[in-house]
Amino acid sequence: MSKINRKKARAVVHRRIRKKVAGTPERPRLAVHFSNQNVYAQLIDDEASKTLASASTAEKSVTLAGANVASATEVGKLIAERAQAAKVSEVVFDRGGHLFHGKVKALADAAREAGLKF
């Protein structure tokens, strides 16, 4: 019996979530991803397999660096602004297998405050 590590466990949870969550042109999927250094968010139309908007701490326009709650908040605000520019007001939130706590919750709350509905 092989031992399952955290990364594999999160991937299993993410696959289970993706069975239920899909983005449409009217209501794209807001997918979040965290590396050790950065926070990423994308609005994805799964029907057309297109990214409608994206934001991350890897961009030069984002002042905060690192994958922490403060940067996640800034990325949440930025993705909401870009969603409104792309004429998107409602999204489906895809937490990427992460618990809805800490960075994930901060990004979601910031996006909600900036005008996204989910």
Protein backbone atom coordinates (compact mmCIF):
# COMPACT_ATOMS: atom_id res chain seq x y z
CA MET A 1 0.00 0.00 0.00
CA SER A 2 1.50 3.32 -1.01
CA LYS A 3 1.49 6.28 1.28
CA ILE A 4 -0.50 9.29 0.06
CA ASN A 5 1.08 12.69 0.49
CA ARG A 6 -0.56 16.12 0.86
CA LYS A 7 -0.09 17.05 -2.79
CA LYS A 8 -1.75 13.85 -4.01
CA ALA A 9 -4.58 14.21 -1.48
CA ARG A 10 -5.27 17.77 -2.67
CA ALA A 11 -5.25 16.56 -6.30
CA VAL A 12 -7.86 13.92 -5.44
CA VAL A 13 -10.07 16.55 -3.79
CA HIS A 14 -9.59 18.90 -6.74
CA ARG A 15 -10.66 16.20 -9.23
CA ARG A 16 -13.76 15.57 -7.14
CA ILE A 17 -14.60 19.30 -7.12
CA ARG A 18 -14.01 19.62 -10.89
CA LYS A 19 -16.62 16.91 -11.56
CA LYS A 20 -19.23 19.33 -10.20
CA VAL A 21 -17.79 22.77 -11.04
CA ALA A 22 -17.58 24.00 -14.63
CA GLY A 23 -17.36 27.47 -16.12
CA THR A 24 -19.64 28.82 -18.85
CA PRO A 25 -19.31 32.03 -20.90
CA GLU A 26 -22.00 33.68 -18.71
CA ARG A 27 -20.63 32.30 -15.43
CA PRO A 28 -16.92 31.38 -15.74
CA ARG A 29 -14.94 29.41 -13.18
CA LEU A 30 -12.73 31.44 -10.83
CA ALA A 31 -9.81 29.05 -10.31
CA VAL A 32 -7.18 29.76 -7.65
CA HIS A 33 -3.67 28.34 -7.47
CA PHE A 34 -0.89 28.88 -4.94
CA SER A 35 2.78 28.18 -5.50
CA ASN A 36 5.38 28.75 -2.80
CA GLN A 37 6.09 32.24 -4.12
CA ASN A 38 2.90 33.45 -5.85
CA VAL A 39 -0.88 33.55 -5.86
CA TYR A 40 -2.72 33.04 -9.16
CA ALA A 41 -6.38 33.49 -10.13
CA GLN A 42 -8.02 32.85 -13.50
CA LEU A 43 -11.51 33.22 -14.96
CA ILE A 44 -12.01 30.21 -17.21
CA ASP A 45 -14.74 29.40 -19.73
CA ASP A 46 -14.56 25.58 -19.76
CA GLU A 47 -16.94 25.22 -22.73
CA ALA A 48 -14.57 27.11 -25.03
CA SER A 49 -11.41 26.21 -23.04
CA LYS A 50 -10.47 29.90 -22.81
CA THR A 51 -9.09 32.05 -20.04
CA LEU A 52 -11.13 35.26 -19.93
CA ALA A 53 -9.03 37.10 -17.33
CA SER A 54 -6.16 36.38 -14.97
CA ALA A 55 -4.27 37.99 -12.12
CA SER A 56 -1.26 36.98 -10.04
CA THR A 57 1.43 38.28 -7.73
CA ALA A 58 3.98 37.43 -10.44
CA GLU A 59 2.85 40.54 -12.40
CA LYS A 60 4.84 43.73 -12.06
CA SER A 61 1.68 45.78 -11.39
CA VAL A 62 1.05 43.89 -8.13
CA THR A 63 2.95 45.52 -5.30
CA LEU A 64 2.88 42.69 -2.76
CA ALA A 65 4.92 39.54 -3.28
CA GLY A 66 4.66 36.12 -1.76
CA ALA A 67 1.88 33.59 -1.29
CA ASN A 68 0.27 35.03 1.83
CA VAL A 69 -3.14 36.38 2.90
CA ALA A 70 -2.27 40.01 2.02
CA SER A 71 -1.21 39.11 -1.54
CA ALA A 72 -4.27 36.87 -1.97
CA THR A 73 -6.48 39.83 -1.00
CA GLU A 74 -4.80 42.05 -3.59
CA VAL A 75 -5.12 39.38 -6.30
CA GLY A 76 -8.82 38.95 -5.39
CA LYS A 77 -9.46 42.67 -5.92
CA LEU A 78 -7.49 42.66 -9.17
CA ILE A 79 -9.32 39.63 -10.66
CA ALA A 80 -12.67 41.24 -9.79
CA GLU A 81 -11.69 44.45 -11.62
CA ARG A 82 -10.55 42.47 -14.67
CA ALA A 83 -13.74 40.39 -14.58
CA GLN A 84 -15.84 43.56 -14.70
CA ALA A 85 -13.72 44.80 -17.61
CA ALA A 86 -14.50 41.49 -19.38
CA LYS A 87 -18.22 42.06 -18.63
CA VAL A 88 -18.44 39.20 -16.11
CA SER A 89 -20.37 39.72 -12.87
CA GLU A 90 -21.07 36.14 -11.70
CA VAL A 91 -18.55 33.32 -11.32
CA VAL A 92 -18.30 29.79 -9.97
CA PHE A 93 -15.56 29.53 -7.33
CA ASP A 94 -13.03 26.71 -7.72
CA ARG A 95 -10.87 26.51 -4.61
CA GLY A 96 -8.47 24.08 -6.29
CA GLY A 97 -8.70 21.39 -3.62
CA HIS A 98 -7.59 23.79 -0.88
CA LEU A 99 -9.64 24.31 2.27
CA PHE A 100 -11.79 27.45 2.24
CA HIS A 101 -9.63 29.10 4.87
CA GLY A 102 -6.75 31.57 5.03
CA LYS A 103 -5.48 32.60 1.58
CA VAL A 104 -8.40 31.04 -0.28
CA LYS A 105 -10.97 32.80 1.90
CA ALA A 106 -9.09 36.11 1.69
CA LEU A 107 -9.03 35.96 -2.12
CA ALA A 108 -12.73 35.04 -2.29
CA ASP A 109 -13.80 37.77 0.16
CA ALA A 110 -11.77 40.43 -1.67
CA ALA A 111 -13.32 39.41 -5.01
CA ARG A 112 -16.81 39.56 -3.47
CA GLU A 113 -16.15 43.00 -1.98
CA ALA A 114 -14.91 44.25 -5.36
CA GLY A 115 -18.19 43.21 -7.03
CA LEU A 116 -18.03 39.56 -8.11
CA LYS A 117 -21.00 37.35 -7.20
CA PHE A 118 -20.57 33.69 -6.27
